Each structure stands twice: as C-alpha cells, then as structure tokens.
Amino acid sequence: MNTADRSVGHIDYAIRRRFAFVDVLPKNLESELKDDFKVDLFAKVASLFIENYDVALIIRMRMW
C-alpha cells in the first residue's frame, strides 16, 4: 500500500460506515438471445461471474 492509498483509506471507511450499499445485479437476458447465440458458453461465463460475486461478497463482509 503506498502513501496515496493510505490517505484515502480513512475516507473510504467513513463512507462505508455512513451509507448502505445495494448490489445491483443484471437482469436475466434469455428473452433477448438470438438463434445463433452460444447458450452453453453464456452459461459458463455467467457461472464464473456468480462464483466470483460470492467471493467478492465474502471479502466485502469481512471488511465490516
């Protein structure tokens, strides 16, 4: 962590204490898929985002 990171750390903590953060997830786009769309590939990529979202949520909760 460099000095610039340390100088905004207390501001970040103060903002996180005072405000509630709401996660906004994307809507399901299955109705907008085209005929040539790779559904299997889309499902794999979507699952990666979901897995990483859970990890990010756990990390964020530990910061509180």
Protein backbone atom coordinates (compact mmCIF):
# COMPACT_ATOMS: atom_id res chain seq x y z
CA MET A 1 0.00 0.00 0.00
CA ASN A 2 1.51 3.35 -0.97
CA THR A 3 1.00 6.67 0.78
CA ALA A 4 -1.77 7.74 -1.60
CA ASP A 5 -3.76 4.63 -0.71
CA ARG A 6 -3.34 5.28 3.00
CA SER A 7 -4.54 8.85 2.72
CA VAL A 8 -7.94 7.84 1.30
CA GLY A 9 -8.38 4.76 3.47
CA HIS A 10 -9.99 6.62 6.34
CA ILE A 11 -12.34 8.40 3.93
CA ASP A 12 -13.36 5.08 2.40
CA TYR A 13 -14.06 3.62 5.83
CA ALA A 14 -16.09 6.69 6.85
CA ILE A 15 -18.23 6.46 3.72
CA ARG A 16 -18.81 2.74 4.22
CA ARG A 17 -19.96 3.35 7.80
CA ARG A 18 -22.46 6.04 6.83
CA PHE A 19 -24.08 4.60 3.72
CA ALA A 20 -25.75 1.34 2.84
CA PHE A 21 -24.55 -0.24 -0.37
CA VAL A 22 -27.03 -2.13 -2.51
CA ASP A 23 -25.79 -4.70 -5.00
CA VAL A 24 -27.41 -4.31 -8.40
CA LEU A 25 -27.25 -7.48 -10.45
CA PRO A 26 -28.01 -7.73 -14.16
CA LYS A 27 -31.40 -8.99 -15.25
CA ASN A 28 -31.81 -12.32 -17.00
CA LEU A 29 -31.32 -11.79 -20.74
CA GLU A 30 -32.58 -15.11 -22.05
CA SER A 31 -35.51 -13.45 -23.82
CA GLU A 32 -33.10 -11.30 -25.84
CA LEU A 33 -30.90 -14.14 -27.10
CA LYS A 34 -30.53 -14.67 -30.83
CA ASP A 35 -30.86 -18.06 -32.57
CA ASP A 36 -27.10 -18.37 -33.14
CA PHE A 37 -26.21 -17.45 -29.57
CA LYS A 38 -23.96 -19.91 -27.74
CA VAL A 39 -26.12 -20.76 -24.74
CA ASP A 40 -23.60 -23.20 -23.24
CA LEU A 41 -20.78 -20.66 -23.39
CA PHE A 42 -23.03 -17.99 -21.93
CA ALA A 43 -23.97 -20.28 -19.03
CA LYS A 44 -20.29 -20.99 -18.28
CA VAL A 45 -19.38 -17.31 -18.28
CA ALA A 46 -22.42 -16.42 -16.17
CA SER A 47 -21.49 -19.07 -13.61
CA LEU A 48 -17.99 -17.59 -13.33
CA PHE A 49 -19.47 -14.19 -12.55
CA ILE A 50 -21.80 -15.70 -9.96
CA GLU A 51 -18.96 -17.61 -8.28
CA ASN A 52 -16.75 -14.53 -8.19
CA TYR A 53 -19.62 -12.40 -6.92
CA ASP A 54 -19.99 -14.70 -3.92
CA VAL A 55 -16.25 -14.47 -3.20
CA ALA A 56 -16.32 -10.67 -3.50
CA LEU A 57 -19.30 -10.52 -1.16
CA ILE A 58 -17.48 -12.60 1.45
CA ILE A 59 -14.41 -10.38 1.19
CA ARG A 60 -16.54 -7.24 1.49
CA MET A 61 -18.36 -8.60 4.55
CA ARG A 62 -15.01 -9.24 6.27
CA MET A 63 -14.17 -5.54 5.85
CA TRP A 64 -17.12 -4.56 8.04
